Amino acid sequence: MSNIPIKDRSRKPLLTVEEQNESIEETETAVRRLRNGKAPGLDEITTELLKSRGRMLAEHLTRLFNDCWQQAKVPEDWKRGVTVKLPKKEDTTESNN
């Protein structure tokens, strides 16, 4: 058994930056698939607002995403978030809730 070669599946072919660029169509599809009624982020932008802007927004977002990818950086604001604990029971004073 020790002579059986093990196929290395961990190495995937690397794609160049050009091959990994997002297309406007991919961005449009991703925005369309966002679920309505979800809480907005710190920027207060709702999914409904994003969806209402259509192709024009997709063009701007695609350019932004591709710039982030090519520079290997994302805006600092994208790294921030807020976590809100939602109690499961009636007694909100209980710490284990």
Protein backbone atom coordinates (compact mmCIF):
# COMPACT_ATOMS: atom_id res chain seq x y z
CA MET A 1 0.00 0.00 0.00
CA SER A 2 2.81 2.45 0.71
CA ASN A 3 3.86 2.40 -2.96
CA ILE A 4 0.55 3.76 -4.20
CA PRO A 5 1.02 7.34 -5.38
CA ILE A 6 -1.25 9.94 -3.83
CA LYS A 7 -2.69 12.40 -6.28
CA ASP A 8 -2.20 15.98 -5.10
CA ARG A 9 -5.58 17.68 -5.50
CA SER A 10 -4.65 20.76 -3.48
CA ARG A 11 -2.97 22.53 -6.36
CA LYS A 12 -5.46 24.29 -8.54
CA PRO A 13 -4.30 26.23 -11.58
CA LEU A 14 -3.80 29.89 -10.77
CA LEU A 15 -5.72 32.39 -12.82
CA THR A 16 -4.27 35.69 -13.90
CA VAL A 17 -5.85 38.93 -12.76
CA GLU A 18 -7.32 39.40 -16.23
CA GLU A 19 -8.97 35.98 -16.12
CA GLN A 20 -10.59 36.71 -12.78
CA ASN A 21 -12.17 40.04 -13.66
CA GLU A 22 -15.84 40.26 -12.86
CA SER A 23 -18.16 40.96 -15.77
CA ILE A 24 -21.05 43.41 -15.66
CA GLU A 25 -23.42 40.52 -16.31
CA GLU A 26 -22.04 38.61 -13.30
CA THR A 27 -22.54 41.66 -11.10
CA GLU A 28 -26.09 42.18 -12.40
CA THR A 29 -26.93 38.55 -11.69
CA ALA A 30 -25.47 38.73 -8.17
CA VAL A 31 -27.46 41.89 -7.37
CA ARG A 32 -30.68 40.36 -8.74
CA ARG A 33 -30.19 37.32 -6.49
CA LEU A 34 -29.92 39.39 -3.30
CA ARG A 35 -32.80 38.69 -0.93
CA ASN A 36 -35.20 41.55 -0.27
CA GLY A 37 -36.06 42.62 3.26
CA LYS A 38 -32.61 42.07 4.75
CA ALA A 39 -31.08 44.61 7.10
CA PRO A 40 -28.76 47.12 5.41
CA GLY A 41 -25.13 47.47 6.37
CA LEU A 42 -23.49 50.45 8.02
CA ASP A 43 -24.00 52.40 4.79
CA GLU A 44 -27.80 52.00 5.14
CA ILE A 45 -28.07 50.80 1.52
CA THR A 46 -30.87 48.26 1.14
CA THR A 47 -31.01 45.42 -1.35
CA GLU A 48 -34.12 47.00 -2.82
CA LEU A 49 -32.17 50.18 -3.58
CA LEU A 50 -29.34 48.21 -5.17
CA LYS A 51 -31.79 46.28 -7.35
CA SER A 52 -33.59 49.45 -8.46
CA ARG A 53 -30.44 50.92 -10.03
CA GLY A 54 -29.97 48.14 -12.60
CA ARG A 55 -27.26 48.21 -15.24
CA MET A 56 -25.81 51.61 -14.27
CA LEU A 57 -25.03 50.40 -10.75
CA ALA A 58 -23.69 47.09 -12.06
CA GLU A 59 -21.20 48.95 -14.27
CA HIS A 60 -19.90 51.00 -11.32
CA LEU A 61 -19.78 48.03 -8.95
CA THR A 62 -17.99 45.90 -11.53
CA ARG A 63 -15.32 48.56 -11.99
CA LEU A 64 -14.94 48.84 -8.20
CA PHE A 65 -14.74 45.06 -7.67
CA ASN A 66 -12.18 44.65 -10.45
CA ASP A 67 -10.06 47.51 -9.07
CA CYS A 68 -10.13 45.84 -5.64
CA TRP A 69 -9.13 42.52 -7.19
CA GLN A 70 -6.27 43.97 -9.24
CA GLN A 71 -4.90 46.00 -6.33
CA ALA A 72 -5.51 43.20 -3.80
CA LYS A 73 -7.16 45.75 -1.48
CA VAL A 74 -10.67 46.51 -0.32
CA PRO A 75 -11.93 49.77 1.19
CA GLU A 76 -11.49 49.98 4.96
CA ASP A 77 -15.25 50.51 5.36
CA TRP A 78 -15.85 47.01 3.99
CA LYS A 79 -13.94 45.57 6.93
CA ARG A 80 -16.29 47.01 9.55
CA GLY A 81 -19.54 45.61 10.81
CA VAL A 82 -21.96 45.63 13.69
CA THR A 83 -23.19 42.55 15.50
CA VAL A 84 -26.52 42.81 17.26
CA LYS A 85 -27.53 40.12 19.74
CA LEU A 86 -31.18 39.15 19.43
CA PRO A 87 -32.67 37.54 22.53
CA LYS A 88 -34.44 34.21 22.00
CA LYS A 89 -36.55 34.37 25.16
CA GLU A 90 -38.80 36.92 26.82
CA ASP A 91 -36.35 37.89 29.58
CA THR A 92 -33.82 40.21 27.93
CA THR A 93 -32.02 40.81 31.24
CA GLU A 94 -30.80 37.19 31.37
CA SER A 95 -27.22 37.01 30.09
CA ASN A 96 -27.60 33.49 28.67
CA ASN A 97 -30.50 34.58 26.52
